[in-house]
Amino acid sequence: MDVIIKELSKDSKEIANVQEFLFKMIKLELGYDYVPEWHQDIMKLEKYYINPERNNFFVAYTKNGEIIATIGIRAYDKDFPEFRHLYFGDTTSSIWRLFVDKQYRRCGLASQMFSVVENFAKASNYDNIYLHTHKTLNGAIKFWTKMGFVITWDVNNELETVHMDKKIRGLNIVDNKADYKFAVEL
């Protein structure tokens, strides 16, 4: 099957279709409808994903134009006290709204969607990627660990929230022999 993954445009009809898909998926996967404090990014896709230079939102379409998957990436903008020493908006990106229609699962589409945002994060000079998910989502933890994420905090709250991250830039080790004045050559 041919699938096209593209950046979400500012077209109001496309935005409305993406919002409809997202709320349908939230209802199916999480069992609830619109919650203002949790879904402001969906209601303001341009503000959160399209307009900021280092943010983006990707949509997968069938050749007939049906939305079958989404994923968003933006600069880390949460203020969890537990992470104030770890994540910063200039170095950390965050994954949002990865959803794949049930008919298109188990064919590598979610992995491909993540690959697109990981490449975007690297090109945007982020050092790592943060996300949170829920143990109640079938296969979520397994999927994200397969993508290279590690659990940083298992909250054990009523939503069964799990925070995870992945380093996408390694150490930059510079070989400068002048700095080795105390080294011994064996």
C-alpha atoms as a PDB file:
ATOM      1  CA  MET A   1       0.000   0.000   0.000  1.00  0.00           C
ATOM      2  CA  ASP A   2       1.194   3.481  -0.844  1.00  0.00           C
ATOM      3  CA  VAL A   3       1.378   5.813   2.144  1.00  0.00           C
ATOM      4  CA  ILE A   4       2.387   9.458   1.989  1.00  0.00           C
ATOM      5  CA  ILE A   5       3.842  11.099   5.105  1.00  0.00           C
ATOM      6  CA  LYS A   6       3.877  14.871   4.964  1.00  0.00           C
ATOM      7  CA  GLU A   7       4.073  17.924   7.176  1.00  0.00           C
ATOM      8  CA  LEU A   8       0.756  19.361   8.301  1.00  0.00           C
ATOM      9  CA  SER A   9       0.019  22.546   6.361  1.00  0.00           C
ATOM     10  CA  LYS A  10      -1.809  25.676   7.460  1.00  0.00           C
ATOM     11  CA  ASP A  11      -4.825  24.664   5.358  1.00  0.00           C
ATOM     12  CA  SER A  12      -7.848  24.979   7.664  1.00  0.00           C
ATOM     13  CA  LYS A  13      -9.629  21.991   6.110  1.00  0.00           C
ATOM     14  CA  GLU A  14      -6.577  19.765   6.595  1.00  0.00           C
ATOM     15  CA  ILE A  15      -6.188  20.970  10.177  1.00  0.00           C
ATOM     16  CA  ALA A  16      -9.867  20.226  10.896  1.00  0.00           C
ATOM     17  CA  ASN A  17      -9.491  16.715   9.427  1.00  0.00           C
ATOM     18  CA  VAL A  18      -6.408  16.058  11.563  1.00  0.00           C
ATOM     19  CA  GLN A  19      -8.202  17.301  14.688  1.00  0.00           C
ATOM     20  CA  GLU A  20     -11.139  15.009  13.940  1.00  0.00           C
ATOM     21  CA  PHE A  21      -8.759  12.039  13.493  1.00  0.00           C
ATOM     22  CA  LEU A  22      -6.924  12.845  16.739  1.00  0.00           C
ATOM     23  CA  PHE A  23     -10.080  13.082  18.832  1.00  0.00           C
ATOM     24  CA  LYS A  24     -11.420   9.883  17.280  1.00  0.00           C
ATOM     25  CA  MET A  25      -8.183   8.083  18.209  1.00  0.00           C
ATOM     26  CA  ILE A  26      -8.156   9.517  21.741  1.00  0.00           C
ATOM     27  CA  LYS A  27     -11.692   8.270  22.274  1.00  0.00           C
ATOM     28  CA  LEU A  28     -10.835   4.809  20.896  1.00  0.00           C
ATOM     29  CA  GLU A  29      -7.508   4.395  22.694  1.00  0.00           C
ATOM     30  CA  LEU A  30      -7.982   6.305  25.929  1.00  0.00           C
ATOM     31  CA  GLY A  31     -11.740   6.218  26.325  1.00  0.00           C
ATOM     32  CA  TYR A  32     -12.417   9.903  26.863  1.00  0.00           C
ATOM     33  CA  ASP A  33     -13.340  12.973  24.844  1.00  0.00           C
ATOM     34  CA  TYR A  34     -11.906  16.482  24.704  1.00  0.00           C
ATOM     35  CA  VAL A  35     -10.248  17.629  27.928  1.00  0.00           C
ATOM     36  CA  PRO A  36      -9.231  21.321  27.625  1.00  0.00           C
ATOM     37  CA  GLU A  37      -6.128  21.122  29.833  1.00  0.00           C
ATOM     38  CA  TRP A  38      -4.821  18.034  27.995  1.00  0.00           C
ATOM     39  CA  HIS A  39      -5.749  18.863  24.413  1.00  0.00           C
ATOM     40  CA  GLN A  40      -4.890  22.517  23.889  1.00  0.00           C
ATOM     41  CA  ASP A  41      -2.205  21.538  21.368  1.00  0.00           C
ATOM     42  CA  ILE A  42      -4.814  19.770  19.224  1.00  0.00           C
ATOM     43  CA  MET A  43      -7.105  22.778  19.292  1.00  0.00           C
ATOM     44  CA  LYS A  44      -4.174  25.061  18.355  1.00  0.00           C
ATOM     45  CA  LEU A  45      -2.087  22.925  15.985  1.00  0.00           C
ATOM     46  CA  GLU A  46      -0.625  25.999  14.274  1.00  0.00           C
ATOM     47  CA  LYS A  47       0.542  27.547  17.558  1.00  0.00           C
ATOM     48  CA  TYR A  48       2.093  24.347  18.906  1.00  0.00           C
ATOM     49  CA  TYR A  49       3.414  22.576  15.794  1.00  0.00           C
ATOM     50  CA  ILE A  50       3.223  24.530  12.532  1.00  0.00           C
ATOM     51  CA  ASN A  51       4.441  28.045  13.364  1.00  0.00           C
ATOM     52  CA  PRO A  52       7.442  27.389  15.659  1.00  0.00           C
ATOM     53  CA  GLU A  53      10.571  26.732  13.599  1.00  0.00           C
ATOM     54  CA  ARG A  54      11.783  23.718  15.606  1.00  0.00           C
ATOM     55  CA  ASN A  55       8.346  22.072  15.919  1.00  0.00           C
ATOM     56  CA  ASN A  56       6.421  20.027  13.377  1.00  0.00           C
ATOM     57  CA  PHE A  57       3.451  17.725  12.883  1.00  0.00           C
ATOM     58  CA  PHE A  58       3.401  14.867  10.398  1.00  0.00           C
ATOM     59  CA  VAL A  59       0.422  13.109   8.909  1.00  0.00           C
ATOM     60  CA  ALA A  60       0.285   9.806   7.016  1.00  0.00           C
ATOM     61  CA  TYR A  61      -2.263   9.568   4.230  1.00  0.00           C
ATOM     62  CA  THR A  62      -3.406   6.747   1.977  1.00  0.00           C
ATOM     63  CA  LYS A  63      -3.320   7.498  -1.744  1.00  0.00           C
ATOM     64  CA  ASN A  64      -7.062   8.254  -1.406  1.00  0.00           C
ATOM     65  CA  GLY A  65      -6.340  11.014   1.122  1.00  0.00           C
ATOM     66  CA  GLU A  66      -7.485   9.141   4.241  1.00  0.00           C
ATOM     67  CA  ILE A  67      -5.563  10.055   7.411  1.00  0.00           C
ATOM     68  CA  ILE A  68      -4.135   6.888   8.930  1.00  0.00           C
ATOM     69  CA  ALA A  69      -1.424   8.121  11.315  1.00  0.00           C
ATOM     70  CA  THR A  70      -0.092  11.243  13.029  1.00  0.00           C
ATOM     71  CA  ILE A  71       2.859  12.324  15.113  1.00  0.00           C
ATOM     72  CA  GLY A  72       3.950  15.689  16.485  1.00  0.00           C
ATOM     73  CA  ILE A  73       7.264  16.978  17.745  1.00  0.00           C
ATOM     74  CA  ARG A  74       7.952  20.173  19.625  1.00  0.00           C
ATOM     75  CA  ALA A  75      10.452  21.734  21.961  1.00  0.00           C
ATOM     76  CA  TYR A  76      10.043  20.409  25.494  1.00  0.00           C
ATOM     77  CA  ASP A  77       7.635  22.773  27.232  1.00  0.00           C
ATOM     78  CA  LYS A  78       6.518  20.978  30.385  1.00  0.00           C
ATOM     79  CA  ASP A  79       7.441  21.951  33.929  1.00  0.00           C
ATOM     80  CA  PHE A  80       7.606  18.709  35.855  1.00  0.00           C
ATOM     81  CA  PRO A  81       9.703  19.443  38.977  1.00  0.00           C
ATOM     82  CA  GLU A  82      11.303  15.997  38.639  1.00  0.00           C
ATOM     83  CA  PHE A  83      12.786  16.949  35.258  1.00  0.00           C
ATOM     84  CA  ARG A  84      13.865  20.582  35.765  1.00  0.00           C
ATOM     85  CA  HIS A  85      17.506  19.479  35.848  1.00  0.00           C
ATOM     86  CA  LEU A  86      17.158  17.154  32.862  1.00  0.00           C
ATOM     87  CA  TYR A  87      15.077  18.634  30.028  1.00  0.00           C
ATOM     88  CA  PHE A  88      15.311  22.084  28.483  1.00  0.00           C
ATOM     89  CA  GLY A  89      13.417  23.477  25.504  1.00  0.00           C
ATOM     90  CA  ASP A  90      16.553  24.340  23.573  1.00  0.00           C
ATOM     91  CA  THR A  91      18.059  20.822  23.810  1.00  0.00           C
ATOM     92  CA  THR A  92      15.066  18.524  24.308  1.00  0.00           C
ATOM     93  CA  SER A  93      12.267  17.807  21.881  1.00  0.00           C
ATOM     94  CA  SER A  94       9.094  15.980  22.830  1.00  0.00           C
ATOM     95  CA  ILE A  95       6.901  13.526  20.947  1.00  0.00           C
ATOM     96  CA  TRP A  96       3.166  14.055  20.883  1.00  0.00           C
ATOM     97  CA  ARG A  97       0.101  12.439  19.365  1.00  0.00           C
ATOM     98  CA  LEU A  98       1.474   9.299  17.737  1.00  0.00           C
ATOM     99  CA  PHE A  99      -1.643   7.500  16.603  1.00  0.00           C
ATOM    100  CA  VAL A 100      -2.038   4.824  13.955  1.00  0.00           C
ATOM    101  CA  ASP A 101      -5.445   3.705  12.731  1.00  0.00           C
ATOM    102  CA  LYS A 102      -6.080   0.112  13.866  1.00  0.00           C
ATOM    103  CA  GLN A 103      -6.345  -1.124  10.266  1.00  0.00           C
ATOM    104  CA  TYR A 104      -2.771  -0.002   9.557  1.00  0.00           C
ATOM    105  CA  ARG A 105      -0.937  -1.319  12.619  1.00  0.00           C
ATOM    106  CA  ARG A 106       1.786  -3.964  12.681  1.00  0.00           C
ATOM    107  CA  CYS A 107       3.149  -2.962   9.287  1.00  0.00           C
ATOM    108  CA  GLY A 108       5.951  -0.601  10.362  1.00  0.00           C
ATOM    109  CA  LEU A 109       4.002   2.646   9.981  1.00  0.00           C
ATOM    110  CA  ALA A 110       4.499   3.780  13.607  1.00  0.00           C
ATOM    111  CA  SER A 111       8.243   3.091  13.293  1.00  0.00           C
ATOM    112  CA  GLN A 112       8.360   5.085  10.078  1.00  0.00           C
ATOM    113  CA  MET A 113       6.463   7.973  11.664  1.00  0.00           C
ATOM    114  CA  PHE A 114       8.929   7.990  14.550  1.00  0.00           C
ATOM    115  CA  SER A 115      11.850   7.870  12.116  1.00  0.00           C
ATOM    116  CA  VAL A 116      10.540  11.019  10.429  1.00  0.00           C
ATOM    117  CA  VAL A 117      10.369  12.967  13.705  1.00  0.00           C
ATOM    118  CA  GLU A 118      13.692  11.611  14.940  1.00  0.00           C
ATOM    119  CA  ASN A 119      15.343  12.856  11.749  1.00  0.00           C
ATOM    120  CA  PHE A 120      13.564  16.190  12.184  1.00  0.00           C
ATOM    121  CA  ALA A 121      14.823  16.420  15.791  1.00  0.00           C
ATOM    122  CA  LYS A 122      18.395  15.725  14.707  1.00  0.00           C
ATOM    123  CA  ALA A 123      18.183  18.290  11.889  1.00  0.00           C
ATOM    124  CA  SER A 124      16.773  20.790  14.406  1.00  0.00           C
ATOM    125  CA  ASN A 125      19.798  20.255  16.689  1.00  0.00           C
ATOM    126  CA  TYR A 126      18.002  18.676  19.624  1.00  0.00           C
ATOM    127  CA  ASP A 127      20.100  16.418  21.856  1.00  0.00           C
ATOM    128  CA  ASN A 128      17.328  14.157  23.076  1.00  0.00           C
ATOM    129  CA  ILE A 129      13.654  13.314  22.739  1.00  0.00           C
ATOM    130  CA  TYR A 130      11.208  13.104  25.642  1.00  0.00           C
ATOM    131  CA  LEU A 131       7.763  11.514  25.685  1.00  0.00           C
ATOM    132  CA  HIS A 132       5.218  10.206  28.089  1.00  0.00           C
ATOM    133  CA  THR A 133       2.873   7.326  27.493  1.00  0.00           C
ATOM    134  CA  HIS A 134       0.583   5.097  29.494  1.00  0.00           C
ATOM    135  CA  LYS A 135       0.912   1.464  30.500  1.00  0.00           C
ATOM    136  CA  THR A 136      -2.759   1.050  29.609  1.00  0.00           C
ATOM    137  CA  LEU A 137      -1.973   1.597  25.903  1.00  0.00           C
ATOM    138  CA  ASN A 138      -1.483  -1.827  24.411  1.00  0.00           C
ATOM    139  CA  GLY A 139       2.126  -2.255  23.277  1.00  0.00           C
ATOM    140  CA  ALA A 140       3.194   1.359  23.917  1.00  0.00           C
ATOM    141  CA  ILE A 141       6.069   0.655  26.326  1.00  0.00           C
ATOM    142  CA  LYS A 142       7.334  -2.204  24.175  1.00  0.00           C
ATOM    143  CA  PHE A 143       7.195  -0.042  21.031  1.00  0.00           C
ATOM    144  CA  TRP A 144       9.038   2.909  22.550  1.00  0.00           C
ATOM    145  CA  THR A 145      11.766   0.774  24.106  1.00  0.00           C
ATOM    146  CA  LYS A 146      12.205  -0.890  20.708  1.00  0.00           C
ATOM    147  CA  MET A 147      12.724   2.629  19.307  1.00  0.00           C
ATOM    148  CA  GLY A 148      15.546   3.171  21.825  1.00  0.00           C
ATOM    149  CA  PHE A 149      13.728   4.984  24.632  1.00  0.00           C
ATOM    150  CA  VAL A 150      14.388   4.313  28.306  1.00  0.00           C
ATOM    151  CA  ILE A 151      11.996   4.847  31.187  1.00  0.00           C
ATOM    152  CA  THR A 152      12.983   7.843  33.308  1.00  0.00           C
ATOM    153  CA  TRP A 153      10.005   7.841  35.663  1.00  0.00           C
ATOM    154  CA  ASP A 154       7.139   5.401  36.152  1.00  0.00           C
ATOM    155  CA  VAL A 155       4.616   7.599  37.939  1.00  0.00           C
ATOM    156  CA  ASN A 156       2.249   4.817  39.076  1.00  0.00           C
ATOM    157  CA  ASN A 157      -0.688   7.225  39.004  1.00  0.00           C
ATOM    158  CA  GLU A 158      -4.292   6.557  37.999  1.00  0.00           C
ATOM    159  CA  LEU A 159      -3.414   7.184  34.326  1.00  0.00           C
ATOM    160  CA  GLU A 160      -0.424   4.782  34.605  1.00  0.00           C
ATOM    161  CA  THR A 161       1.856   7.413  33.100  1.00  0.00           C
ATOM    162  CA  VAL A 162       5.403   6.522  32.141  1.00  0.00           C
ATOM    163  CA  HIS A 163       7.995   9.151  31.171  1.00  0.00           C
ATOM    164  CA  MET A 164      10.718   8.135  28.714  1.00  0.00           C
ATOM    165  CA  ASP A 165      13.581   9.665  26.773  1.00  0.00           C
ATOM    166  CA  LYS A 166      16.115   8.896  24.099  1.00  0.00           C
ATOM    167  CA  LYS A 167      19.477  10.509  23.492  1.00  0.00           C
ATOM    168  CA  ILE A 168      19.910  11.301  19.811  1.00  0.00           C
ATOM    169  CA  ARG A 169      23.297  12.979  20.001  1.00  0.00           C
ATOM    170  CA  GLY A 170      26.295  11.245  21.490  1.00  0.00           C
ATOM    171  CA  LEU A 171      29.345  12.594  23.202  1.00  0.00           C
ATOM    172  CA  ASN A 172      31.554  14.785  21.087  1.00  0.00           C
ATOM    173  CA  ILE A 173      35.021  13.626  22.109  1.00  0.00           C
ATOM    174  CA  VAL A 174      37.778  15.787  20.699  1.00  0.00           C
ATOM    175  CA  ASP A 175      41.239  14.300  20.451  1.00  0.00           C
ATOM    176  CA  ASN A 176      43.494  17.108  21.621  1.00  0.00           C
ATOM    177  CA  LYS A 177      46.825  15.665  22.684  1.00  0.00           C
ATOM    178  CA  ALA A 178      47.839  18.926  24.382  1.00  0.00           C
ATOM    179  CA  ASP A 179      45.214  18.210  27.046  1.00  0.00           C
ATOM    180  CA  TYR A 180      46.975  14.969  27.995  1.00  0.00           C
ATOM    181  CA  LYS A 181      49.976  16.445  29.807  1.00  0.00           C
ATOM    182  CA  PHE A 182      49.533  13.988  32.697  1.00  0.00           C
ATOM    183  CA  ALA A 183      48.849  10.952  30.541  1.00  0.00           C
ATOM    184  CA  VAL A 184      51.380   8.176  30.381  1.00  0.00           C
ATOM    185  CA  GLU A 185      52.061   6.397  27.134  1.00  0.00           C
ATOM    186  CA  LEU A 186      52.411   2.664  27.669  1.00  0.00           C
END
